[in-house]
Amino acid sequence: MIPSFNSDSINALRLLLSEPRKIVITTHHKPDGDAMGSSLALYHFLLTGNHQVQVVTPSDYPDFLYWLPGHSKVIDFDHAGGQAKQVAEAADIIFCLDFNAPGRMEKFSDAVMQSKATKVLIDHHLDPEHFCDYEFSFPKSCATCELMYYFICELGGKQAFTKEIATCLYTGIMTDTGSFRFASMTADTHMVIAALMQAGAENFTIHEQIYDNFSLERTRFLGHCIKDKLVVLPQYKTAYISVTKEELKAFNHQSGDTEGIVNYALGIKGIRMAVFFCERDHLIKISFRSKDNFSVKELAAAHFSGGGHRNAAGGRSTESLEATISRFLALLPDLKQELNPETTNL
């Protein structure tokens, strides 16, 4: 779906960007392909306007995204917090991409919110908390990178797309749509993809860098999750995987190694909901996925301090891994009718 940007906001930003500014671009904690793709695409676009631009991530991100053009210029708050705070304090404009609440920035949140910079939100998640001066929120978009494509078109026209920008945007749309297979993909999105390829995005190279570039440890970890940790509950059309922090350590876990594992549980015939529980220090991170019209957004929000989209959501728990899983299992009987657990051949 093509977003309809508020013309007054676009005109105000166009005026604000008409002369060189100090600009910070940030995103959510543990950024994914959409977060980094939109951030670095905007970074390359703003450089053409002679702005001083700095991308700051609240944490590290998967090394399979390090090849993205502009990666070497990114500041990681966890490793350079002092520098990140300085650029936020000095910024004229701060772009907040791919998140809907300040808390998603975690430790970097205070520096951003205390900055006197004009703040701009560009995001596709539901229920934004309205913490920015300008807000471009379109939950029906498949990815923030899709929004960024139209945003750059508004400000710079289609001639603004370089190979670097196109590559970053293609990456974010591809990863946030599960390689273009989710229901959020529309005919308009395919038109955007075509335009990005015409601008220089090499689809085969991007796919190889993202999906054919795993470490040996990550591949063995995936095998362990599927062989030893997968639990299938056919009566609820549900499957889940859980891993402990000891297991992460045993497989030399790196940032991004757990990404996408929940989809292997969802890929089982007859399964409508899949969940991945990951034990971290003092926190259980939870990934929810679903098929068809069964929504995991409300489940994550109501019971696990989370949220997201209908078929993809996240949550967290401060209980133990065992207690968190037990609490989840206790919810399933109430979801039985929605999950429609007739007998299936699993």
Protein backbone atom coordinates (compact mmCIF):
# COMPACT_ATOMS: atom_id res chain seq x y z
CA MET A 1 0.00 0.00 0.00
CA ILE A 2 1.35 3.42 -0.96
CA PRO A 3 1.47 5.66 2.15
CA SER A 4 -0.07 9.10 2.12
CA PHE A 5 2.37 11.46 3.81
CA ASN A 6 1.13 14.58 5.55
CA SER A 7 2.05 17.38 3.13
CA ASP A 8 2.59 19.96 5.89
CA SER A 9 5.05 17.66 7.68
CA ILE A 10 6.90 16.82 4.47
CA ASN A 11 7.15 20.50 3.53
CA ALA A 12 8.41 21.39 7.01
CA LEU A 13 11.09 18.70 6.82
CA ARG A 14 12.05 19.75 3.31
CA LEU A 15 12.61 23.27 4.63
CA LEU A 16 14.50 21.99 7.66
CA LEU A 17 16.80 19.95 5.41
CA SER A 18 17.34 22.78 2.93
CA GLU A 19 20.60 23.70 4.67
CA PRO A 20 23.27 21.47 6.24
CA ARG A 21 22.31 20.01 9.63
CA LYS A 22 23.79 17.74 12.26
CA ILE A 23 21.67 14.61 11.99
CA VAL A 24 21.52 11.40 14.01
CA ILE A 25 19.72 8.29 12.77
CA THR A 26 18.83 5.63 15.33
CA THR A 27 16.71 2.52 15.59
CA HIS A 28 15.69 -0.18 18.06
CA HIS A 29 17.84 -2.36 20.32
CA LYS A 30 19.29 -5.40 18.52
CA PRO A 31 18.55 -4.04 15.02
CA ASP A 32 17.45 -6.39 12.26
CA GLY A 33 17.66 -6.08 8.47
CA ASP A 34 14.80 -3.61 8.23
CA ALA A 35 16.21 -1.41 10.99
CA MET A 36 19.71 -1.30 9.52
CA GLY A 37 18.52 -1.14 5.93
CA SER A 38 16.30 1.89 6.55
CA SER A 39 18.94 3.60 8.73
CA LEU A 40 21.77 3.22 6.24
CA ALA A 41 19.58 4.08 3.25
CA LEU A 42 18.59 7.36 4.92
CA TYR A 43 22.25 7.91 5.89
CA HIS A 44 23.38 7.72 2.25
CA PHE A 45 20.50 9.92 1.07
CA LEU A 46 21.17 12.67 3.64
CA LEU A 47 24.88 12.74 2.83
CA THR A 48 23.98 14.03 -0.61
CA GLY A 49 22.53 17.15 1.07
CA ASN A 50 25.89 17.95 2.71
CA HIS A 51 24.55 17.13 6.18
CA GLN A 52 26.69 15.75 8.99
CA VAL A 53 25.07 12.34 9.48
CA GLN A 54 25.70 9.68 12.12
CA VAL A 55 23.92 6.35 12.54
CA VAL A 56 23.79 5.19 16.17
CA THR A 57 22.51 1.74 17.11
CA PRO A 58 21.49 1.07 20.73
CA SER A 59 23.38 -2.25 20.59
CA ASP A 60 25.30 -4.51 18.27
CA TYR A 61 23.59 -6.29 15.37
CA PRO A 62 24.11 -9.51 13.38
CA ASP A 63 27.37 -9.79 11.49
CA PHE A 64 25.50 -10.95 8.37
CA LEU A 65 24.50 -7.28 8.03
CA TYR A 66 28.07 -5.94 8.23
CA TRP A 67 28.39 -5.94 4.44
CA LEU A 68 25.74 -3.24 4.07
CA PRO A 69 27.23 -0.04 2.64
CA GLY A 70 27.91 2.38 5.48
CA HIS A 71 28.29 -0.26 8.22
CA SER A 72 31.80 0.86 9.12
CA LYS A 73 30.51 4.33 10.06
CA VAL A 74 27.90 3.10 12.57
CA ILE A 75 28.33 3.86 16.29
CA ASP A 76 27.24 1.08 18.65
CA PHE A 77 26.01 2.59 21.94
CA ASP A 78 27.04 -0.48 23.93
CA HIS A 79 30.66 0.00 22.82
CA ALA A 80 30.82 3.80 22.40
CA GLY A 81 28.15 5.20 24.69
CA GLY A 82 30.00 8.44 25.39
CA GLN A 83 30.37 9.28 21.72
CA ALA A 84 26.74 8.33 21.05
CA LYS A 85 25.52 10.67 23.79
CA GLN A 86 27.65 13.52 22.43
CA VAL A 87 26.27 13.29 18.90
CA ALA A 88 22.70 13.04 20.21
CA GLU A 89 23.17 16.13 22.36
CA ALA A 90 24.65 18.10 19.45
CA ALA A 91 22.11 16.96 16.86
CA ASP A 92 19.71 19.30 15.08
CA ILE A 93 17.54 16.40 13.89
CA ILE A 94 17.16 12.83 15.16
CA PHE A 95 15.44 10.27 12.94
CA CYS A 96 13.89 7.36 14.85
CA LEU A 97 13.39 4.39 12.54
CA ASP A 98 11.57 1.07 12.84
CA PHE A 99 10.29 1.38 16.41
CA ASN A 100 7.22 2.85 18.04
CA ALA A 101 8.25 3.66 21.62
CA PRO A 102 11.34 5.26 23.24
CA GLY A 103 11.87 2.19 25.39
CA ARG A 104 12.83 0.20 22.29
CA MET A 105 16.11 2.17 22.28
CA GLU A 106 16.85 0.87 25.79
CA LYS A 107 20.00 2.55 27.21
CA PHE A 108 20.21 5.09 24.37
CA SER A 109 16.67 6.30 25.05
CA ASP A 110 17.56 8.94 27.66
CA ALA A 111 20.13 10.62 25.41
CA VAL A 112 17.66 10.82 22.53
CA MET A 113 14.71 12.03 24.57
CA GLN A 114 16.77 14.65 26.43
CA SER A 115 18.20 16.03 23.19
CA LYS A 116 16.69 19.30 21.98
CA ALA A 117 16.86 18.04 18.39
CA THR A 118 13.78 17.87 16.19
CA LYS A 119 12.70 14.25 16.24
CA VAL A 120 11.21 12.38 13.28
CA LEU A 121 9.58 8.95 13.48
CA ILE A 122 9.37 6.65 10.44
CA ASP A 123 7.88 3.28 11.37
CA HIS A 124 5.41 0.55 10.47
CA HIS A 125 4.55 -0.85 13.91
CA LEU A 126 1.15 -0.46 15.53
CA ASP A 127 0.32 1.95 18.36
CA PRO A 128 3.13 4.54 18.28
CA GLU A 129 3.64 6.44 21.53
CA HIS A 130 3.76 9.87 19.81
CA PHE A 131 7.16 10.93 21.15
CA CYS A 132 8.43 12.71 18.03
CA ASP A 133 7.80 16.13 16.48
CA TYR A 134 7.00 14.56 13.11
CA GLU A 135 5.45 11.12 12.81
CA PHE A 136 5.22 8.97 9.69
CA SER A 137 3.58 5.81 10.99
CA PHE A 138 2.01 3.35 8.54
CA PRO A 139 1.34 -0.09 10.09
CA LYS A 140 0.00 -1.49 6.81
CA SER A 141 3.43 -1.14 5.21
CA CYS A 142 5.38 -4.37 5.07
CA ALA A 143 8.61 -2.77 6.31
CA THR A 144 10.11 0.52 7.38
CA CYS A 145 12.33 0.22 4.32
CA GLU A 146 9.22 0.35 2.14
CA LEU A 147 8.21 3.59 3.89
CA MET A 148 11.73 4.91 3.46
CA TYR A 149 11.50 4.35 -0.28
CA TYR A 150 8.45 6.60 -0.50
CA PHE A 151 9.94 9.09 1.99
CA ILE A 152 13.05 9.52 -0.17
CA CYS A 153 10.83 9.82 -3.24
CA GLU A 154 8.98 12.69 -1.53
CA LEU A 155 12.17 14.54 -0.64
CA GLY A 156 14.53 13.68 -3.46
CA GLY A 157 12.58 12.07 -6.27
CA LYS A 158 13.29 8.72 -7.91
CA GLN A 159 16.57 10.05 -9.28
CA ALA A 160 17.89 10.11 -5.68
CA PHE A 161 18.27 6.32 -5.51
CA THR A 162 21.85 5.17 -5.74
CA LYS A 163 22.96 1.55 -5.74
CA GLU A 164 23.87 1.91 -2.04
CA ILE A 165 20.42 3.21 -1.08
CA ALA A 166 18.64 0.61 -3.22
CA THR A 167 20.71 -2.21 -1.72
CA CYS A 168 19.90 -1.16 1.84
CA LEU A 169 16.17 -0.82 1.16
CA TYR A 170 15.92 -4.11 -0.72
CA THR A 171 17.60 -5.85 2.24
CA GLY A 172 15.09 -4.49 4.74
CA ILE A 173 12.03 -5.36 2.68
CA MET A 174 13.34 -8.84 1.90
CA THR A 175 14.11 -9.69 5.54
CA ASP A 176 10.92 -8.21 7.04
CA THR A 177 8.70 -10.08 4.59
CA GLY A 178 10.40 -13.46 4.94
CA SER A 179 11.82 -13.23 1.43
CA PHE A 180 8.59 -11.71 0.09
CA ARG A 181 6.26 -14.47 1.30
CA PHE A 182 4.29 -12.77 4.10
CA ALA A 183 0.75 -11.45 3.69
CA SER A 184 2.06 -7.90 4.16
CA MET A 185 3.50 -8.03 0.62
CA THR A 186 1.34 -6.17 -1.90
CA ALA A 187 1.49 -5.48 -5.60
CA ASP A 188 2.75 -1.99 -4.72
CA THR A 189 5.62 -3.53 -2.75
CA HIS A 190 6.64 -5.59 -5.76
CA MET A 191 6.72 -2.34 -7.75
CA VAL A 192 9.06 -0.87 -5.14
CA ILE A 193 11.31 -3.94 -5.39
CA ALA A 194 11.40 -3.55 -9.18
CA ALA A 195 12.40 0.11 -8.84
CA LEU A 196 15.17 -0.80 -6.38
CA MET A 197 16.54 -3.43 -8.75
CA GLN A 198 16.49 -0.89 -11.56
CA ALA A 199 18.49 1.42 -9.27
CA GLY A 200 21.18 -1.22 -8.81
CA ALA A 201 20.09 -3.61 -6.03
CA GLU A 202 21.38 -7.09 -6.89
CA ASN A 203 18.77 -9.49 -5.53
CA PHE A 204 20.95 -12.61 -5.76
CA THR A 205 23.90 -10.99 -3.99
CA ILE A 206 21.74 -9.61 -1.18
CA HIS A 207 20.01 -12.95 -0.62
CA GLU A 208 23.36 -14.76 -0.50
CA GLN A 209 24.82 -12.29 2.01
CA ILE A 210 21.82 -12.63 4.33
CA TYR A 211 20.81 -16.28 4.06
CA ASP A 212 23.89 -18.15 2.82
CA ASN A 213 26.45 -16.69 5.17
CA PHE A 214 26.00 -18.46 8.52
CA SER A 215 28.82 -19.60 10.76
CA LEU A 216 29.40 -23.30 11.40
CA GLU A 217 28.42 -22.82 15.05
CA ARG A 218 25.11 -21.20 14.07
CA THR A 219 24.30 -24.04 11.69
CA ARG A 220 24.98 -26.62 14.40
CA PHE A 221 22.93 -24.55 16.86
CA LEU A 222 20.00 -24.60 14.43
CA GLY A 223 20.26 -28.38 14.17
CA HIS A 224 20.26 -28.65 17.96
CA CYS A 225 17.14 -26.49 18.22
CA ILE A 226 15.20 -28.55 15.68
CA LYS A 227 16.39 -31.99 16.82
CA ASP A 228 16.49 -31.60 20.59
CA LYS A 229 14.46 -28.55 21.61
CA LEU A 230 11.38 -28.54 19.37
CA VAL A 231 8.09 -29.31 21.16
CA VAL A 232 4.93 -29.87 19.08
CA LEU A 233 1.45 -29.60 20.62
CA PRO A 234 -0.89 -30.88 17.89
CA GLN A 235 -4.01 -30.37 20.02
CA TYR A 236 -3.31 -26.63 19.95
CA LYS A 237 -1.67 -26.44 16.53
CA THR A 238 1.29 -24.93 18.35
CA ALA A 239 5.02 -25.61 18.41
CA TYR A 240 7.75 -24.02 20.47
CA ILE A 241 11.50 -24.05 20.94
CA SER A 242 13.36 -22.94 24.06
CA VAL A 243 17.07 -22.45 24.64
CA THR A 244 19.03 -21.69 27.80
CA LYS A 245 21.91 -19.26 28.15
CA GLU A 246 24.16 -22.29 28.74
CA GLU A 247 23.18 -23.66 25.34
CA LEU A 248 23.87 -20.30 23.71
CA LYS A 249 27.32 -20.31 25.26
CA ALA A 250 27.99 -23.92 24.21
CA PHE A 251 27.36 -23.00 20.58
CA ASN A 252 29.40 -19.76 20.75
CA HIS A 253 26.28 -17.66 20.20
CA GLN A 254 26.69 -14.39 18.30
CA SER A 255 24.19 -11.59 17.79
CA GLY A 256 21.60 -12.68 15.20
CA ASP A 257 22.15 -16.44 15.58
CA THR A 258 18.62 -16.98 16.92
CA GLU A 259 16.96 -14.88 14.22
CA GLY A 260 14.48 -16.83 12.12
CA ILE A 261 14.65 -20.08 14.10
CA VAL A 262 11.02 -19.69 15.18
CA ASN A 263 10.00 -19.97 11.51
CA TYR A 264 11.20 -23.58 11.38
CA ALA A 265 8.60 -24.46 14.01
CA LEU A 266 5.93 -22.51 12.12
CA GLY A 267 6.83 -24.39 8.93
CA ILE A 268 5.52 -27.70 10.28
CA LYS A 269 2.34 -28.86 8.55
CA GLY A 270 -0.74 -28.04 10.62
CA ILE A 271 0.99 -25.58 12.96
CA ARG A 272 -0.69 -22.16 13.30
CA MET A 273 1.40 -20.66 16.13
CA ALA A 274 5.11 -20.98 16.86
CA VAL A 275 7.08 -19.53 19.75
CA PHE A 276 10.80 -19.23 20.46
CA PHE A 277 11.94 -18.71 24.07
CA CYS A 278 15.52 -17.54 24.56
CA GLU A 279 17.10 -17.17 27.99
CA ARG A 280 19.36 -14.15 28.44
CA ASP A 281 20.84 -12.66 31.60
CA HIS A 282 17.86 -11.87 33.86
CA LEU A 283 15.45 -11.90 30.90
CA ILE A 284 13.59 -14.28 28.62
CA LYS A 285 13.18 -12.96 25.06
CA ILE A 286 10.19 -14.39 23.20
CA SER A 287 9.39 -14.47 19.47
CA PHE A 288 5.84 -15.26 18.34
CA ARG A 289 4.79 -16.21 14.80
CA SER A 290 1.43 -17.29 13.42
CA LYS A 291 -0.40 -18.15 10.23
CA ASP A 292 -3.68 -17.04 8.71
CA ASN A 293 -5.95 -14.88 10.87
CA PHE A 294 -4.65 -16.00 14.25
CA SER A 295 -3.03 -12.93 15.82
CA VAL A 296 -0.10 -13.15 18.22
CA LYS A 297 0.08 -9.40 18.76
CA GLU A 298 -2.56 -9.37 21.51
CA LEU A 299 -1.06 -12.45 23.18
CA ALA A 300 2.36 -10.83 23.35
CA ALA A 301 0.99 -7.51 24.60
CA ALA A 302 -1.40 -8.88 27.21
CA HIS A 303 0.85 -11.49 28.79
CA PHE A 304 4.49 -10.88 27.88
CA SER A 305 5.08 -7.09 27.86
CA GLY A 306 5.37 -7.08 24.09
CA GLY A 307 3.63 -6.35 20.84
CA GLY A 308 4.20 -6.20 17.11
CA HIS A 309 2.14 -7.32 14.16
CA ARG A 310 -0.70 -9.81 13.71
CA ASN A 311 1.53 -12.67 12.55
CA ALA A 312 4.86 -11.60 14.06
CA ALA A 313 5.33 -10.25 17.57
CA GLY A 314 7.84 -10.20 20.39
CA GLY A 315 7.71 -10.28 24.16
CA ARG A 316 9.78 -10.68 27.29
CA SER A 317 9.58 -12.16 30.75
CA THR A 318 11.58 -11.61 33.95
CA GLU A 319 10.54 -15.01 35.28
CA SER A 320 12.69 -18.10 34.84
CA LEU A 321 12.63 -19.92 31.52
CA GLU A 322 10.64 -22.78 33.05
CA ALA A 323 8.10 -20.43 34.66
CA THR A 324 7.71 -18.45 31.43
CA ILE A 325 7.01 -21.56 29.39
CA SER A 326 4.58 -22.82 32.02
CA ARG A 327 2.71 -19.52 31.93
CA PHE A 328 2.52 -19.73 28.14
CA LEU A 329 1.24 -23.31 28.21
CA ALA A 330 -1.43 -22.34 30.74
CA LEU A 331 -2.83 -19.84 28.21
CA LEU A 332 -3.33 -22.37 25.44
CA PRO A 333 -6.64 -23.88 26.62
CA ASP A 334 -8.26 -20.45 26.37
CA LEU A 335 -6.91 -20.11 22.82
CA LYS A 336 -8.05 -23.57 21.77
CA GLN A 337 -11.08 -22.43 19.79
CA GLU A 338 -9.12 -19.74 17.94
CA LEU A 339 -6.33 -22.13 17.11
CA ASN A 340 -8.94 -24.63 15.85
CA PRO A 341 -7.08 -27.74 16.98
CA GLU A 342 -8.91 -30.45 15.07
CA THR A 343 -6.96 -33.64 14.58
CA THR A 344 -4.09 -33.15 12.15
CA ASN A 345 -1.49 -35.41 10.63
CA LEU A 346 1.74 -33.93 11.95
